[in-house]
PDB file of N, CA and C in Angstrom:
ATOM      1  N   UNK A   1      99.282  59.558  28.088  1.00  0.00           N
ATOM      2  CA  UNK A   1      98.788  60.509  28.759  1.00  0.00           C
ATOM      3  C   UNK A   1      99.326  60.298  30.214  1.00  0.00           C
ATOM      4  N   UNK A   2     100.264  61.713  30.686  1.00  0.00           N
ATOM      5  CA  UNK A   2     100.924  61.519  31.878  1.00  0.00           C
ATOM      6  C   UNK A   2      99.731  62.115  33.103  1.00  0.00           C
ATOM      7  N   UNK A   3      99.700  61.337  34.330  1.00  0.00           N
ATOM      8  CA  UNK A   3      98.959  61.444  35.063  1.00  0.00           C
ATOM      9  C   UNK A   3      99.302  62.399  36.423  1.00  0.00           C
ATOM     10  N   UNK A   4      99.247  63.697  36.772  1.00  0.00           N
ATOM     11  CA  UNK A   4      99.625  64.576  38.184  1.00  0.00           C
ATOM     12  C   UNK A   4      99.919  63.875  38.954  1.00  0.00           C
ATOM     13  N   UNK A   5     100.459  63.897  40.079  1.00  0.00           N
ATOM     14  CA  UNK A   5     100.338  63.760  41.425  1.00  0.00           C
ATOM     15  C   UNK A   5      99.669  64.593  42.000  1.00  0.00           C
ATOM     16  N   UNK A   6      98.241  64.079  42.461  1.00  0.00           N
ATOM     17  CA  UNK A   6      97.858  65.370  43.615  1.00  0.00           C
ATOM     18  C   UNK A   6      98.559  65.619  44.775  1.00  0.00           C
ATOM     19  N   UNK A   7      98.001  66.844  45.108  1.00  0.00           N
ATOM     20  CA  UNK A   7      98.537  66.832  46.875  1.00  0.00           C
ATOM     21  C   UNK A   7      98.125  65.818  47.960  1.00  0.00           C
ATOM     22  N   UNK A   8      96.762  65.193  47.499  1.00  0.00           N
ATOM     23  CA  UNK A   8      96.088  64.383  48.165  1.00  0.00           C
ATOM     24  C   UNK A   8      96.845  63.026  47.941  1.00  0.00           C
ATOM     25  N   UNK A   9      97.137  62.365  46.733  1.00  0.00           N
ATOM     26  CA  UNK A   9      97.909  61.327  46.824  1.00  0.00           C
ATOM     27  C   UNK A   9      99.368  61.219  47.466  1.00  0.00           C
ATOM     28  N   UNK A  10     100.001  62.481  47.061  1.00  0.00           N
ATOM     29  CA  UNK A  10     101.259  62.590  47.712  1.00  0.00           C
ATOM     30  C   UNK A  10     101.163  62.405  49.305  1.00  0.00           C
ATOM     31  N   UNK A  11     100.242  63.079  49.698  1.00  0.00           N
ATOM     32  CA  UNK A  11     100.154  62.845  51.543  1.00  0.00           C
ATOM     33  C   UNK A  11     100.005  61.704  51.445  1.00  0.00           C
ATOM     34  N   UNK A  12      99.251  60.840  51.010  1.00  0.00           N
ATOM     35  CA  UNK A  12      98.924  59.658  51.023  1.00  0.00           C
ATOM     36  C   UNK A  12      99.839  58.737  51.238  1.00  0.00           C
ATOM     37  N   UNK A  13     101.039  59.183  50.062  1.00  0.00           N
ATOM     38  CA  UNK A  13     102.331  58.157  50.279  1.00  0.00           C
ATOM     39  C   UNK A  13     103.174  58.647  50.666  1.00  0.00           C
ATOM     40  N   UNK A  14     103.263  59.854  51.341  1.00  0.00           N
ATOM     41  CA  UNK A  14     104.064  59.831  52.073  1.00  0.00           C
ATOM     42  C   UNK A  14     103.834  59.430  53.949  1.00  0.00           C
ATOM     43  N   UNK A  15     102.544  59.433  54.309  1.00  0.00           N
ATOM     44  CA  UNK A  15     101.992  59.011  55.285  1.00  0.00           C
ATOM     45  C   UNK A  15     102.137  57.232  55.341  1.00  0.00           C
ATOM     46  N   UNK A  16     102.253  56.574  54.197  1.00  0.00           N
ATOM     47  CA  UNK A  16     102.548  55.365  53.992  1.00  0.00           C
ATOM     48  C   UNK A  16     104.070  55.132  54.371  1.00  0.00           C
ATOM     49  N   UNK A  17     104.463  56.050  53.858  1.00  0.00           N
ATOM     50  CA  UNK A  17     106.154  55.881  54.011  1.00  0.00           C
ATOM     51  C   UNK A  17     106.553  55.824  55.378  1.00  0.00           C
ATOM     52  N   UNK A  18     106.094  56.778  56.002  1.00  0.00           N
ATOM     53  CA  UNK A  18     106.543  57.403  57.530  1.00  0.00           C
ATOM     54  C   UNK A  18     106.168  56.402  58.249  1.00  0.00           C
ATOM     55  N   UNK A  19     104.455  55.401  58.399  1.00  0.00           N
ATOM     56  CA  UNK A  19     104.324  54.533  59.469  1.00  0.00           C
ATOM     57  C   UNK A  19     105.030  53.676  58.894  1.00  0.00           C
ATOM     58  N   UNK A  20     104.901  53.060  57.755  1.00  0.00           N
ATOM     59  CA  UNK A  20     105.624  51.516  57.495  1.00  0.00           C
ATOM     60  C   UNK A  20     107.107  51.605  58.018  1.00  0.00           C
ATOM     61  N   UNK A  21     107.836  52.868  58.168  1.00  0.00           N
ATOM     62  CA  UNK A  21     109.411  52.682  58.260  1.00  0.00           C
ATOM     63  C   UNK A  21     108.753  52.523  59.752  1.00  0.00           C
ATOM     64  N   UNK A  22     108.184  53.457  60.420  1.00  0.00           N
ATOM     65  CA  UNK A  22     108.243  53.146  62.251  1.00  0.00           C
ATOM     66  C   UNK A  22     107.817  51.831  62.646  1.00  0.00           C
ATOM     67  N   UNK A  23     106.982  51.060  61.960  1.00  0.00           N
ATOM     68  CA  UNK A  23     106.495  50.117  61.911  1.00  0.00           C
ATOM     69  C   UNK A  23     107.613  48.771  62.376  1.00  0.00           C
ATOM     70  N   UNK A  24     108.812  48.850  61.128  1.00  0.00           N
ATOM     71  CA  UNK A  24     109.532  48.827  61.304  1.00  0.00           C
ATOM     72  C   UNK A  24     110.929  48.620  62.348  1.00  0.00           C
ATOM     73  N   UNK A  25     110.829  49.979  62.935  1.00  0.00           N
ATOM     74  CA  UNK A  25     111.940  50.153  63.571  1.00  0.00           C
ATOM     75  C   UNK A  25     111.719  49.835  65.272  1.00  0.00           C
ATOM     76  N   UNK A  26     109.966  49.268  65.166  1.00  0.00           N
ATOM     77  CA  UNK A  26     109.763  48.503  66.493  1.00  0.00           C
ATOM     78  C   UNK A  26     110.047  47.312  67.241  1.00  0.00           C
ATOM     79  N   UNK A  27     110.619  46.929  65.589  1.00  0.00           N
ATOM     80  CA  UNK A  27     111.126  45.487  65.802  1.00  0.00           C
ATOM     81  C   UNK A  27     112.662  45.304  66.372  1.00  0.00           C
ATOM     82  N   UNK A  28     113.347  46.448  66.398  1.00  0.00           N
ATOM     83  CA  UNK A  28     114.476  46.619  66.557  1.00  0.00           C
ATOM     84  C   UNK A  28     115.280  46.152  67.961  1.00  0.00           C
ATOM     85  N   UNK A  29     114.274  46.016  69.083  1.00  0.00           N
ATOM     86  CA  UNK A  29     114.816  45.465  70.496  1.00  0.00           C
ATOM     87  C   UNK A  29     114.594  44.152  69.866  1.00  0.00           C
ATOM     88  N   UNK A  30     113.698  43.485  69.799  1.00  0.00           N
ATOM     89  CA  UNK A  30     113.532  42.219  69.323  1.00  0.00           C
ATOM     90  C   UNK A  30     114.509  41.271  68.495  1.00  0.00           C
ATOM     91  N   UNK A  31     114.947  42.182  67.265  1.00  0.00           N
ATOM     92  CA  UNK A  31     116.368  41.669  66.472  1.00  0.00           C
ATOM     93  C   UNK A  31     117.518  41.415  67.652  1.00  0.00           C
ATOM     94  N   UNK A  32     117.682  42.637  68.104  1.00  0.00           N
ATOM     95  CA  UNK A  32     118.647  42.631  69.342  1.00  0.00           C
ATOM     96  C   UNK A  32     118.914  41.414  70.211  1.00  0.00           C
ATOM     97  N   UNK A  33     117.068  41.375  70.457  1.00  0.00           N
ATOM     98  CA  UNK A  33     117.412  40.246  72.101  1.00  0.00           C
ATOM     99  C   UNK A  33     117.956  38.863  71.437  1.00  0.00           C
ATOM    100  N   UNK A  34     117.373  38.605  69.791  1.00  0.00           N
ATOM    101  CA  UNK A  34     117.773  37.356  69.098  1.00  0.00           C
ATOM    102  C   UNK A  34     119.074  37.386  68.867  1.00  0.00           C
ATOM    103  N   UNK A  35     119.625  38.190  68.362  1.00  0.00           N
ATOM    104  CA  UNK A  35     120.863  38.520  68.334  1.00  0.00           C
ATOM    105  C   UNK A  35     121.766  38.023  69.545  1.00  0.00           C
ATOM    106  N   UNK A  36     121.530  38.646  70.692  1.00  0.00           N
ATOM    107  CA  UNK A  36     121.901  38.262  72.362  1.00  0.00           C
ATOM    108  C   UNK A  36     121.948  37.093  72.178  1.00  0.00           C
ATOM    109  N   UNK A  37     120.801  36.240  72.153  1.00  0.00           N
ATOM    110  CA  UNK A  37     120.597  34.838  72.085  1.00  0.00           C
ATOM    111  C   UNK A  37     121.913  34.193  71.595  1.00  0.00           C
ATOM    112  N   UNK A  38     121.944  34.467  70.479  1.00  0.00           N
ATOM    113  CA  UNK A  38     122.833  33.823  69.647  1.00  0.00           C
ATOM    114  C   UNK A  38     124.144  33.783  69.685  1.00  0.00           C
ATOM    115  N   UNK A  39     124.688  35.280  70.294  1.00  0.00           N
ATOM    116  CA  UNK A  39     126.139  35.468  70.823  1.00  0.00           C
ATOM    117  C   UNK A  39     125.929  34.602  71.719  1.00  0.00           C
ATOM    118  N   UNK A  40     125.302  34.701  72.836  1.00  0.00           N
ATOM    119  CA  UNK A  40     125.297  33.675  73.755  1.00  0.00           C
ATOM    120  C   UNK A  40     125.953  32.189  73.778  1.00  0.00           C
ATOM    121  N   UNK A  41     124.797  31.838  73.120  1.00  0.00           N
ATOM    122  CA  UNK A  41     125.191  30.416  72.752  1.00  0.00           C
ATOM    123  C   UNK A  41     126.362  30.157  71.798  1.00  0.00           C
ATOM    124  N   UNK A  42     126.840  30.734  70.747  1.00  0.00           N
ATOM    125  CA  UNK A  42     128.266  30.834  70.288  1.00  0.00           C
ATOM    126  C   UNK A  42     129.138  30.871  71.133  1.00  0.00           C
ATOM    127  N   UNK A  43     129.032  31.625  71.951  1.00  0.00           N
ATOM    128  CA  UNK A  43     130.146  31.977  73.072  1.00  0.00           C
ATOM    129  C   UNK A  43     130.200  30.717  74.117  1.00  0.00           C
ATOM    130  N   UNK A  44     128.888  29.938  74.979  1.00  0.00           N
ATOM    131  CA  UNK A  44     128.958  28.787  75.011  1.00  0.00           C
ATOM    132  C   UNK A  44     129.766  27.773  74.268  1.00  0.00           C
ATOM    133  N   UNK A  45     129.228  27.507  73.231  1.00  0.00           N
ATOM    134  CA  UNK A  45     130.266  26.661  72.143  1.00  0.00           C
ATOM    135  C   UNK A  45     131.879  26.604  72.183  1.00  0.00           C
ATOM    136  N   UNK A  46     131.945  28.188  72.278  1.00  0.00           N
ATOM    137  CA  UNK A  46     133.676  28.776  72.121  1.00  0.00           C
ATOM    138  C   UNK A  46     134.079  28.211  73.145  1.00  0.00           C
ATOM    139  N   UNK A  47     133.541  28.636  74.198  1.00  0.00           N
ATOM    140  CA  UNK A  47     134.013  28.286  75.649  1.00  0.00           C
ATOM    141  C   UNK A  47     134.139  26.633  75.693  1.00  0.00           C
ATOM    142  N   UNK A  48     133.189  26.062  75.829  1.00  0.00           N
ATOM    143  CA  UNK A  48     133.337  24.073  75.770  1.00  0.00           C
ATOM    144  C   UNK A  48     134.503  24.100  74.568  1.00  0.00           C
ATOM    145  N   UNK A  49     134.680  24.332  73.715  1.00  0.00           N
ATOM    146  CA  UNK A  49     135.231  24.006  72.641  1.00  0.00           C
ATOM    147  C   UNK A  49     137.304  24.077  72.569  1.00  0.00           C
ATOM    148  N   UNK A  50     136.898  25.553  73.831  1.00  0.00           N
ATOM    149  CA  UNK A  50     138.551  25.840  74.360  1.00  0.00           C
ATOM    150  C   UNK A  50     138.976  24.803  75.031  1.00  0.00           C
ATOM    151  N   UNK A  51     137.729  24.635  75.705  1.00  0.00           N
ATOM    152  CA  UNK A  51     138.154  23.574  77.151  1.00  0.00           C
ATOM    153  C   UNK A  51     138.595  21.954  76.528  1.00  0.00           C
ATOM    154  N   UNK A  52     137.612  21.642  75.382  1.00  0.00           N
ATOM    155  CA  UNK A  52     138.117  20.576  75.129  1.00  0.00           C
ATOM    156  C   UNK A  52     139.507  20.604  74.069  1.00  0.00           C
ATOM    157  N   UNK A  53     139.982  21.815  73.629  1.00  0.00           N
ATOM    158  CA  UNK A  53     141.183  22.158  72.935  1.00  0.00           C
ATOM    159  C   UNK A  53     142.139  21.562  74.283  1.00  0.00           C
ATOM    160  N   UNK A  54     141.427  22.388  75.266  1.00  0.00           N
ATOM    161  CA  UNK A  54     142.796  22.261  76.065  1.00  0.00           C
ATOM    162  C   UNK A  54     143.481  21.154  77.268  1.00  0.00           C
ATOM    163  N   UNK A  55     142.055  20.373  76.917  1.00  0.00           N
ATOM    164  CA  UNK A  55     142.177  18.807  77.583  1.00  0.00           C
ATOM    165  C   UNK A  55     143.083  17.792  76.723  1.00  0.00           C
ATOM    166  N   UNK A  56     142.963  18.139  75.403  1.00  0.00           N
ATOM    167  CA  UNK A  56     143.284  17.308  74.179  1.00  0.00           C
ATOM    168  C   UNK A  56     142.192  16.663  73.572  1.00  0.00           C
ATOM    169  N   UNK A  57     141.399  17.296  73.542  1.00  0.00           N
ATOM    170  CA  UNK A  57     140.201  16.431  72.611  1.00  0.00           C
ATOM    171  C   UNK A  57     140.007  17.552  71.563  1.00  0.00           C
ATOM    172  N   UNK A  58     140.945  17.455  70.452  1.00  0.00           N
ATOM    173  CA  UNK A  58     141.017  18.432  69.569  1.00  0.00           C
ATOM    174  C   UNK A  58     139.652  17.601  68.467  1.00  0.00           C
ATOM    175  N   UNK A  59     139.268  16.651  68.628  1.00  0.00           N
ATOM    176  CA  UNK A  59     138.459  16.597  67.502  1.00  0.00           C
ATOM    177  C   UNK A  59     137.078  17.217  68.035  1.00  0.00           C
ATOM    178  N   UNK A  60     136.726  16.739  69.766  1.00  0.00           N
ATOM    179  CA  UNK A  60     135.583  17.669  69.793  1.00  0.00           C
ATOM    180  C   UNK A  60     135.843  19.540  69.659  1.00  0.00           C
ATOM    181  N   UNK A  61     136.891  19.656  69.977  1.00  0.00           N
ATOM    182  CA  UNK A  61     137.271  21.269  69.844  1.00  0.00           C
ATOM    183  C   UNK A  61     136.465  21.872  68.718  1.00  0.00           C
ATOM    184  N   UNK A  62     137.254  20.930  67.328  1.00  0.00           N
ATOM    185  CA  UNK A  62     137.023  21.284  66.092  1.00  0.00           C
ATOM    186  C   UNK A  62     135.576  21.697  65.826  1.00  0.00           C
ATOM    187  N   UNK A  63     134.721  20.285  66.302  1.00  0.00           N
ATOM    188  CA  UNK A  63     133.615  20.080  66.066  1.00  0.00           C
ATOM    189  C   UNK A  63     132.798  21.380  66.591  1.00  0.00           C
ATOM    190  N   UNK A  64     133.064  21.565  67.767  1.00  0.00           N
ATOM    191  CA  UNK A  64     132.139  22.817  68.589  1.00  0.00           C
ATOM    192  C   UNK A  64     132.562  24.073  68.182  1.00  0.00           C
ATOM    193  N   UNK A  65     133.866  24.472  67.366  1.00  0.00           N
ATOM    194  CA  UNK A  65     134.144  25.658  67.025  1.00  0.00           C
ATOM    195  C   UNK A  65     132.949  26.113  65.628  1.00  0.00           C
ATOM    196  N   UNK A  66     133.343  24.781  65.184  1.00  0.00           N
ATOM    197  CA  UNK A  66     132.103  24.481  63.712  1.00  0.00           C
ATOM    198  C   UNK A  66     130.837  24.843  63.858  1.00  0.00           C
ATOM    199  N   UNK A  67     130.059  24.521  64.895  1.00  0.00           N
ATOM    200  CA  UNK A  67     129.066  24.674  65.025  1.00  0.00           C
ATOM    201  C   UNK A  67     128.536  26.189  65.349  1.00  0.00           C
ATOM    202  N   UNK A  68     129.297  26.838  66.370  1.00  0.00           N
ATOM    203  CA  UNK A  68     129.490  27.975  66.686  1.00  0.00           C
ATOM    204  C   UNK A  68     129.699  28.858  65.395  1.00  0.00           C
ATOM    205  N   UNK A  69     130.641  28.703  64.578  1.00  0.00           N
ATOM    206  CA  UNK A  69     130.970  29.253  63.096  1.00  0.00           C
ATOM    207  C   UNK A  69     129.355  28.970  62.107  1.00  0.00           C
ATOM    208  N   UNK A  70     128.999  28.372  62.319  1.00  0.00           N
ATOM    209  CA  UNK A  70     127.889  27.616  61.430  1.00  0.00           C
ATOM    210  C   UNK A  70     126.701  28.668  61.817  1.00  0.00           C
ATOM    211  N   UNK A  71     126.288  29.036  62.963  1.00  0.00           N
ATOM    212  CA  UNK A  71     125.504  29.904  63.745  1.00  0.00           C
ATOM    213  C   UNK A  71     125.338  30.809  63.040  1.00  0.00           C
ATOM    214  N   UNK A  72     126.606  31.872  62.099  1.00  0.00           N
ATOM    215  CA  UNK A  72     126.571  33.216  61.808  1.00  0.00           C
ATOM    216  C   UNK A  72     126.407  33.059  60.346  1.00  0.00           C
ATOM    217  N   UNK A  73     126.415  31.761  59.384  1.00  0.00           N
ATOM    218  CA  UNK A  73     126.552  31.924  58.088  1.00  0.00           C
ATOM    219  C   UNK A  73     125.212  31.902  57.374  1.00  0.00           C
ATOM    220  N   UNK A  74     124.923  32.261  56.621  1.00  0.00           N
ATOM    221  CA  UNK A  74     123.332  32.157  56.160  1.00  0.00           C
ATOM    222  C   UNK A  74     122.276  33.537  55.730  1.00  0.00           C
TER     223      UNK A  74
END
């Protein structure tokens, strides 16, 4: 037996979808801040890696670069 979707049910479903998507939209600035912090930390590791490279400490340079790259995996 097929049940017809009434206007009341349709309105309820649509309002739920609209309000839930706007709730997720509010988290965008928090996500951006989190990403900015991660980028800043990776930039610091990158800069330290280049400094180590320029001074001839290639082992440390590679470790720092790998740390920075690991931040963006997963």
